[in-house]
Amino acid sequence: MKIGTVTGSVWATRKASCLMGQTFLVISTGDEDLVAADQVGAGKGDKVLLVTGTVASRFCMEAPIDAAVVAILDSEKQP
């Protein structure tokens, strides 16, 4: 899992049928920017929890995605 901040969104007029109705967000983790399928209704500026890889595609009903937003964080404890 990764923590990141929503920095924007991606729009696709044409996409695979398994992705219809899916919202995609640009997430900055500090090290990289990722495009992730939004499962929780996150918005720009929100701190979010991401899952990546096979877990993300299974979470999204086997859709061909590499990252999914699964939580909006209320707080983050720093060491």
C-alpha atoms as a PDB file:
ATOM      1  CA  MET A   1       0.000   0.000   0.000  1.00  0.00           C
ATOM      2  CA  LYS A   2       1.028   3.593  -0.585  1.00  0.00           C
ATOM      3  CA  ILE A   3      -0.063   6.995   0.695  1.00  0.00           C
ATOM      4  CA  GLY A   4      -0.479   9.833  -1.760  1.00  0.00           C
ATOM      5  CA  THR A   5      -2.245  13.100  -2.511  1.00  0.00           C
ATOM      6  CA  VAL A   6      -4.782  13.605  -5.285  1.00  0.00           C
ATOM      7  CA  THR A   7      -3.374  16.197  -7.681  1.00  0.00           C
ATOM      8  CA  GLY A   8      -5.829  15.923 -10.559  1.00  0.00           C
ATOM      9  CA  SER A   9      -7.985  13.660 -12.687  1.00  0.00           C
ATOM     10  CA  VAL A  10      -7.806  11.918 -16.042  1.00  0.00           C
ATOM     11  CA  TRP A  11     -10.667  11.912 -18.548  1.00  0.00           C
ATOM     12  CA  ALA A  12     -11.087   9.289 -21.256  1.00  0.00           C
ATOM     13  CA  THR A  13     -13.947   9.560 -23.717  1.00  0.00           C
ATOM     14  CA  ARG A  14     -13.249   6.118 -25.133  1.00  0.00           C
ATOM     15  CA  LYS A  15     -12.217   3.241 -22.915  1.00  0.00           C
ATOM     16  CA  ALA A  16     -12.618  -0.504 -22.495  1.00  0.00           C
ATOM     17  CA  SER A  17     -16.137  -1.548 -21.511  1.00  0.00           C
ATOM     18  CA  CYS A  18     -14.870  -2.927 -18.162  1.00  0.00           C
ATOM     19  CA  LEU A  19     -13.754   0.628 -17.271  1.00  0.00           C
ATOM     20  CA  MET A  20     -17.064   2.371 -18.066  1.00  0.00           C
ATOM     21  CA  GLY A  21     -18.231   4.526 -15.183  1.00  0.00           C
ATOM     22  CA  GLN A  22     -14.806   4.428 -13.551  1.00  0.00           C
ATOM     23  CA  THR A  23     -13.178   7.660 -12.319  1.00  0.00           C
ATOM     24  CA  PHE A  24      -9.405   8.009 -12.636  1.00  0.00           C
ATOM     25  CA  LEU A  25      -7.289  10.270 -10.431  1.00  0.00           C
ATOM     26  CA  VAL A  26      -3.676  11.426 -10.612  1.00  0.00           C
ATOM     27  CA  ILE A  27      -1.990  10.642  -7.296  1.00  0.00           C
ATOM     28  CA  SER A  28       1.386  11.987  -6.194  1.00  0.00           C
ATOM     29  CA  THR A  29       3.219   9.768  -3.718  1.00  0.00           C
ATOM     30  CA  GLY A  30       6.219  12.068  -3.497  1.00  0.00           C
ATOM     31  CA  ASP A  31       8.390   9.643  -5.467  1.00  0.00           C
ATOM     32  CA  GLU A  32       6.088   9.214  -8.455  1.00  0.00           C
ATOM     33  CA  ASP A  33       2.771  10.186 -10.013  1.00  0.00           C
ATOM     34  CA  LEU A  34       0.254   7.404 -10.581  1.00  0.00           C
ATOM     35  CA  VAL A  35      -3.111   7.157 -12.273  1.00  0.00           C
ATOM     36  CA  ALA A  36      -5.461   5.251  -9.979  1.00  0.00           C
ATOM     37  CA  ALA A  37      -9.056   4.074 -10.199  1.00  0.00           C
ATOM     38  CA  ASP A  38     -11.067   5.906  -7.522  1.00  0.00           C
ATOM     39  CA  GLN A  39     -13.236   3.590  -5.408  1.00  0.00           C
ATOM     40  CA  VAL A  40     -14.158   6.043  -2.635  1.00  0.00           C
ATOM     41  CA  GLY A  41     -15.002   9.439  -4.182  1.00  0.00           C
ATOM     42  CA  ALA A  42     -11.721  11.221  -3.402  1.00  0.00           C
ATOM     43  CA  GLY A  43     -11.098  14.759  -4.619  1.00  0.00           C
ATOM     44  CA  LYS A  44      -8.207  17.078  -5.387  1.00  0.00           C
ATOM     45  CA  GLY A  45      -6.031  17.654  -2.319  1.00  0.00           C
ATOM     46  CA  ASP A  46      -7.250  14.569  -0.431  1.00  0.00           C
ATOM     47  CA  LYS A  47      -4.661  12.294   1.207  1.00  0.00           C
ATOM     48  CA  VAL A  48      -5.462   8.755   0.080  1.00  0.00           C
ATOM     49  CA  LEU A  49      -4.445   5.151   0.568  1.00  0.00           C
ATOM     50  CA  LEU A  50      -3.571   3.237  -2.611  1.00  0.00           C
ATOM     51  CA  VAL A  51      -3.286  -0.429  -3.415  1.00  0.00           C
ATOM     52  CA  THR A  52      -1.263  -1.448  -6.444  1.00  0.00           C
ATOM     53  CA  GLY A  53      -0.679  -4.419  -8.694  1.00  0.00           C
ATOM     54  CA  THR A  54      -2.849  -7.537  -8.643  1.00  0.00           C
ATOM     55  CA  VAL A  55      -4.654  -6.410  -5.481  1.00  0.00           C
ATOM     56  CA  ALA A  56      -5.878  -3.271  -7.263  1.00  0.00           C
ATOM     57  CA  SER A  57      -7.271  -5.174 -10.242  1.00  0.00           C
ATOM     58  CA  ARG A  58      -9.031  -7.678  -7.978  1.00  0.00           C
ATOM     59  CA  PHE A  59     -10.499  -4.869  -5.882  1.00  0.00           C
ATOM     60  CA  CYS A  60     -11.943  -3.362  -9.083  1.00  0.00           C
ATOM     61  CA  MET A  61     -13.657  -6.549 -10.279  1.00  0.00           C
ATOM     62  CA  GLU A  62     -10.738  -7.811 -12.340  1.00  0.00           C
ATOM     63  CA  ALA A  63     -10.473  -4.585 -14.402  1.00  0.00           C
ATOM     64  CA  PRO A  64      -7.050  -4.049 -16.029  1.00  0.00           C
ATOM     65  CA  ILE A  65      -5.743  -1.427 -13.584  1.00  0.00           C
ATOM     66  CA  ASP A  66      -2.460  -1.076 -11.667  1.00  0.00           C
ATOM     67  CA  ALA A  67      -3.577   1.217  -8.813  1.00  0.00           C
ATOM     68  CA  ALA A  68      -6.787   1.881  -6.889  1.00  0.00           C
ATOM     69  CA  VAL A  69      -7.728   4.463  -4.253  1.00  0.00           C
ATOM     70  CA  VAL A  70      -9.313   2.502  -1.385  1.00  0.00           C
ATOM     71  CA  ALA A  71      -9.488   5.076   1.435  1.00  0.00           C
ATOM     72  CA  ILE A  72      -9.450   8.811   2.123  1.00  0.00           C
ATOM     73  CA  LEU A  73      -7.202   9.442   5.122  1.00  0.00           C
ATOM     74  CA  ASP A  74      -8.456  11.596   7.977  1.00  0.00           C
ATOM     75  CA  SER A  75      -4.996  11.826   9.496  1.00  0.00           C
ATOM     76  CA  GLU A  76      -1.521  10.433   9.037  1.00  0.00           C
ATOM     77  CA  LYS A  77       0.754   9.777  12.000  1.00  0.00           C
ATOM     78  CA  GLN A  78       4.331  10.848  11.312  1.00  0.00           C
ATOM     79  CA  PRO A  79       7.233   9.097  13.081  1.00  0.00           C
END
